[in-house]
């Protein structure tokens, strides 16, 4: 689990294989916008969802992707978001 407390911070990227389900847990008290991203190469990240409150997310990719969640530049105001990608 990663405790995110600043803009432009992300949990470690996790590789999810084809048809291997993933889960994201967002907990804590924070003000800001978290964005979930996926990537094939860990260089180009595509947003797949945004969250402004605690949430649970489950899904599956048809092909392998890296997955990460975090506060983008300018998207954090205060508090701590506890994020777990598994």
N, C-alpha and C. Protein backbone atom coordinates (compact mmCIF):
# COMPACT_ATOMS: atom_id res chain seq x y z
N UNK A 1 0.85 -1.18 0.00
CA UNK A 1 0.00 0.00 0.00
C UNK A 1 0.89 1.23 0.00
N UNK A 2 0.51 2.23 -0.77
CA UNK A 2 1.24 3.49 -0.85
C UNK A 2 0.43 4.61 -0.24
N UNK A 3 1.06 5.41 0.62
CA UNK A 3 0.44 6.60 1.20
C UNK A 3 0.85 7.79 0.35
N UNK A 4 -0.10 8.34 -0.41
CA UNK A 4 0.18 9.45 -1.32
C UNK A 4 -0.21 10.77 -0.65
N UNK A 5 0.75 11.70 -0.57
CA UNK A 5 0.51 12.95 0.14
C UNK A 5 1.03 14.18 -0.62
N UNK A 6 1.15 14.07 -1.93
CA UNK A 6 1.65 15.21 -2.72
C UNK A 6 1.23 15.06 -4.18
N UNK A 7 1.27 16.18 -4.89
CA UNK A 7 0.99 16.14 -6.33
C UNK A 7 2.12 15.41 -7.05
N UNK A 8 1.80 14.85 -8.20
CA UNK A 8 2.76 14.13 -9.04
C UNK A 8 3.42 12.96 -8.31
N UNK A 9 2.61 12.22 -7.51
CA UNK A 9 3.08 11.01 -6.84
C UNK A 9 2.14 9.86 -7.19
N UNK A 10 2.71 8.68 -7.31
CA UNK A 10 1.97 7.51 -7.77
C UNK A 10 2.40 6.28 -6.98
N UNK A 11 1.52 5.30 -6.89
CA UNK A 11 1.91 4.02 -6.32
C UNK A 11 2.82 3.33 -7.33
N UNK A 12 3.59 2.33 -6.91
CA UNK A 12 4.42 1.59 -7.87
C UNK A 12 3.54 0.93 -8.94
N UNK A 13 4.00 0.96 -10.18
CA UNK A 13 3.26 0.32 -11.27
C UNK A 13 3.30 -1.20 -11.10
N UNK A 14 2.16 -1.85 -11.38
CA UNK A 14 2.02 -3.29 -11.26
C UNK A 14 1.67 -3.86 -12.63
N UNK A 15 2.39 -4.91 -13.06
CA UNK A 15 2.10 -5.55 -14.33
C UNK A 15 1.00 -6.58 -14.15
N UNK A 16 -0.07 -6.41 -14.89
CA UNK A 16 -1.18 -7.36 -14.87
C UNK A 16 -1.22 -8.07 -16.22
N UNK A 17 -1.11 -9.39 -16.18
CA UNK A 17 -1.06 -10.18 -17.41
C UNK A 17 -2.44 -10.30 -18.06
N UNK A 18 -2.43 -10.71 -19.31
CA UNK A 18 -3.67 -10.90 -20.07
C UNK A 18 -4.66 -11.76 -19.30
N UNK A 19 -5.87 -11.26 -19.19
CA UNK A 19 -6.99 -11.94 -18.52
C UNK A 19 -6.75 -12.19 -17.04
N UNK A 20 -5.74 -11.52 -16.48
CA UNK A 20 -5.46 -11.59 -15.05
C UNK A 20 -6.17 -10.40 -14.41
N UNK A 21 -7.16 -10.64 -13.60
CA UNK A 21 -7.93 -9.54 -13.01
C UNK A 21 -7.06 -8.64 -12.14
N UNK A 22 -7.52 -7.42 -11.95
CA UNK A 22 -6.83 -6.48 -11.07
C UNK A 22 -7.83 -5.85 -10.12
N UNK A 23 -7.31 -5.34 -9.01
CA UNK A 23 -8.11 -4.60 -8.04
C UNK A 23 -7.33 -3.37 -7.60
N UNK A 24 -8.06 -2.30 -7.35
CA UNK A 24 -7.48 -1.07 -6.82
C UNK A 24 -8.30 -0.67 -5.60
N UNK A 25 -7.61 -0.42 -4.51
CA UNK A 25 -8.26 0.06 -3.29
C UNK A 25 -7.75 1.46 -2.99
N UNK A 26 -8.67 2.41 -2.86
CA UNK A 26 -8.34 3.79 -2.51
C UNK A 26 -9.04 4.10 -1.20
N UNK A 27 -8.26 4.38 -0.17
CA UNK A 27 -8.79 4.67 1.16
C UNK A 27 -8.15 5.95 1.68
N UNK A 28 -8.62 6.43 2.83
CA UNK A 28 -8.03 7.59 3.47
C UNK A 28 -8.91 8.82 3.37
N UNK A 29 -8.40 9.89 3.95
CA UNK A 29 -9.07 11.19 3.91
C UNK A 29 -8.18 12.13 3.12
N UNK A 30 -8.65 12.53 1.95
CA UNK A 30 -7.84 13.38 1.07
C UNK A 30 -8.74 14.31 0.27
N UNK A 31 -8.14 15.40 -0.17
CA UNK A 31 -8.80 16.33 -1.08
C UNK A 31 -7.93 16.41 -2.32
N UNK A 32 -8.48 16.00 -3.44
CA UNK A 32 -7.72 15.98 -4.68
C UNK A 32 -8.34 14.99 -5.65
N UNK A 33 -7.68 14.81 -6.78
CA UNK A 33 -8.16 13.89 -7.80
C UNK A 33 -7.09 12.84 -8.10
N UNK A 34 -7.41 11.59 -7.80
CA UNK A 34 -6.54 10.47 -8.15
C UNK A 34 -6.93 9.96 -9.53
N UNK A 35 -5.93 9.57 -10.30
CA UNK A 35 -6.20 9.01 -11.63
C UNK A 35 -5.55 7.64 -11.73
N UNK A 36 -6.30 6.67 -12.26
CA UNK A 36 -5.77 5.35 -12.57
C UNK A 36 -5.31 5.37 -14.03
N UNK A 37 -4.13 4.78 -14.28
CA UNK A 37 -3.55 4.76 -15.61
C UNK A 37 -3.16 3.34 -16.00
N UNK A 38 -3.13 3.07 -17.31
CA UNK A 38 -2.57 1.83 -17.82
C UNK A 38 -1.52 2.16 -18.88
N UNK A 39 -0.58 1.23 -19.06
CA UNK A 39 0.51 1.45 -20.02
C UNK A 39 1.03 0.12 -20.53
N UNK A 40 1.45 0.09 -21.77
CA UNK A 40 2.10 -1.09 -22.34
C UNK A 40 3.60 -1.07 -22.06
N UNK A 41 4.19 0.13 -21.95
CA UNK A 41 5.65 0.27 -21.90
C UNK A 41 6.18 1.04 -20.69
N UNK A 42 5.32 1.43 -19.76
CA UNK A 42 5.68 2.24 -18.59
C UNK A 42 6.23 3.62 -18.99
N UNK A 43 5.98 4.03 -20.22
CA UNK A 43 6.43 5.34 -20.69
C UNK A 43 5.23 6.21 -21.06
N UNK A 44 4.29 5.64 -21.80
CA UNK A 44 3.07 6.33 -22.21
C UNK A 44 1.92 5.81 -21.36
N UNK A 45 1.34 6.69 -20.54
CA UNK A 45 0.27 6.30 -19.62
C UNK A 45 -1.07 6.84 -20.10
N UNK A 46 -2.09 5.98 -20.14
CA UNK A 46 -3.43 6.34 -20.59
C UNK A 46 -4.37 6.31 -19.38
N UNK A 47 -5.06 7.42 -19.08
CA UNK A 47 -5.98 7.42 -17.94
C UNK A 47 -7.18 6.50 -18.20
N UNK A 48 -7.56 5.76 -17.15
CA UNK A 48 -8.72 4.87 -17.27
C UNK A 48 -9.80 5.17 -16.23
N UNK A 49 -9.55 6.13 -15.34
CA UNK A 49 -10.56 6.51 -14.36
C UNK A 49 -10.02 7.55 -13.39
N UNK A 50 -10.93 8.36 -12.83
CA UNK A 50 -10.53 9.35 -11.82
C UNK A 50 -11.40 9.18 -10.58
N UNK A 51 -10.82 9.55 -9.42
CA UNK A 51 -11.48 9.33 -8.13
C UNK A 51 -11.20 10.50 -7.21
N UNK A 52 -12.23 11.01 -6.55
CA UNK A 52 -12.08 12.11 -5.60
C UNK A 52 -12.50 11.69 -4.20
N UNK A 53 -12.76 10.41 -4.01
CA UNK A 53 -13.18 9.87 -2.71
C UNK A 53 -12.74 8.41 -2.65
N UNK A 54 -12.72 7.81 -1.46
CA UNK A 54 -12.36 6.40 -1.36
C UNK A 54 -13.21 5.55 -2.32
N UNK A 55 -12.57 4.52 -2.89
CA UNK A 55 -13.25 3.68 -3.88
C UNK A 55 -12.57 2.33 -3.98
N UNK A 56 -13.30 1.38 -4.53
CA UNK A 56 -12.77 0.06 -4.86
C UNK A 56 -13.03 -0.17 -6.34
N UNK A 57 -12.03 -0.65 -7.05
CA UNK A 57 -12.13 -0.85 -8.50
C UNK A 57 -11.62 -2.24 -8.83
N UNK A 58 -12.38 -2.99 -9.62
CA UNK A 58 -11.97 -4.30 -10.11
C UNK A 58 -12.13 -4.32 -11.61
N UNK A 59 -11.25 -5.03 -12.29
CA UNK A 59 -11.37 -5.13 -13.73
C UNK A 59 -10.46 -6.19 -14.30
N UNK A 60 -10.45 -6.26 -15.62
CA UNK A 60 -9.61 -7.23 -16.33
C UNK A 60 -9.24 -6.63 -17.67
N UNK A 61 -8.00 -6.83 -18.08
CA UNK A 61 -7.54 -6.37 -19.38
C UNK A 61 -7.48 -7.56 -20.34
N UNK A 62 -7.75 -7.33 -21.61
CA UNK A 62 -7.68 -8.39 -22.62
C UNK A 62 -6.24 -8.68 -23.02
N UNK A 63 -5.32 -7.80 -22.63
CA UNK A 63 -3.90 -7.98 -22.91
C UNK A 63 -3.12 -7.46 -21.71
N UNK A 64 -1.83 -7.73 -21.64
CA UNK A 64 -1.03 -7.30 -20.50
C UNK A 64 -0.86 -5.78 -20.48
N UNK A 65 -0.99 -5.19 -19.28
CA UNK A 65 -0.79 -3.76 -19.07
C UNK A 65 -0.14 -3.53 -17.72
N UNK A 66 0.62 -2.44 -17.64
CA UNK A 66 1.05 -1.91 -16.36
C UNK A 66 -0.08 -1.03 -15.83
N UNK A 67 -0.26 -1.00 -14.52
CA UNK A 67 -1.34 -0.23 -13.90
C UNK A 67 -0.77 0.56 -12.73
N UNK A 68 -1.12 1.84 -12.64
CA UNK A 68 -0.71 2.67 -11.51
C UNK A 68 -1.81 3.68 -11.20
N UNK A 69 -1.78 4.23 -9.97
CA UNK A 69 -2.75 5.22 -9.54
C UNK A 69 -1.99 6.31 -8.80
N UNK A 70 -2.41 7.57 -9.01
CA UNK A 70 -1.76 8.65 -8.27
C UNK A 70 -2.37 10.01 -8.53
N UNK A 71 -1.80 10.98 -7.82
CA UNK A 71 -2.17 12.38 -8.01
C UNK A 71 -1.30 12.96 -9.11
N UNK A 72 -1.91 13.48 -10.15
CA UNK A 72 -1.15 14.14 -11.21
C UNK A 72 -0.70 15.52 -10.76
N UNK A 73 0.11 16.19 -11.58
CA UNK A 73 0.53 17.56 -11.25
C UNK A 73 -0.70 18.45 -11.06
N UNK A 74 -0.76 19.16 -9.95
CA UNK A 74 -1.86 20.07 -9.67
C UNK A 74 -3.13 19.40 -9.17
N UNK A 75 -3.11 18.08 -8.97
CA UNK A 75 -4.34 17.36 -8.57
C UNK A 75 -4.43 17.05 -7.08
N UNK A 76 -3.48 17.51 -6.28
CA UNK A 76 -3.49 17.23 -4.84
C UNK A 76 -3.71 18.52 -4.06
N UNK A 77 -4.55 18.46 -3.02
CA UNK A 77 -4.76 19.61 -2.15
C UNK A 77 -4.31 19.30 -0.72
N UNK A 78 -4.83 18.20 -0.13
CA UNK A 78 -4.45 17.89 1.25
C UNK A 78 -4.82 16.44 1.60
N UNK A 79 -4.32 15.99 2.75
CA UNK A 79 -4.66 14.68 3.28
C UNK A 79 -3.76 13.56 2.76
N UNK A 80 -4.21 12.32 3.02
CA UNK A 80 -3.47 11.13 2.62
C UNK A 80 -4.41 10.16 1.92
N UNK A 81 -4.01 9.74 0.73
CA UNK A 81 -4.72 8.69 0.00
C UNK A 81 -3.89 7.41 0.11
N UNK A 82 -4.47 6.38 0.69
CA UNK A 82 -3.82 5.08 0.79
C UNK A 82 -4.27 4.23 -0.38
N UNK A 83 -3.33 3.93 -1.28
CA UNK A 83 -3.65 3.27 -2.53
C UNK A 83 -2.96 1.91 -2.61
N UNK A 84 -3.72 0.90 -2.99
CA UNK A 84 -3.18 -0.44 -3.17
C UNK A 84 -3.66 -0.97 -4.52
N UNK A 85 -2.72 -1.38 -5.36
CA UNK A 85 -3.03 -1.99 -6.65
C UNK A 85 -2.56 -3.43 -6.59
N UNK A 86 -3.46 -4.35 -6.86
CA UNK A 86 -3.09 -5.78 -6.79
C UNK A 86 -3.92 -6.59 -7.77
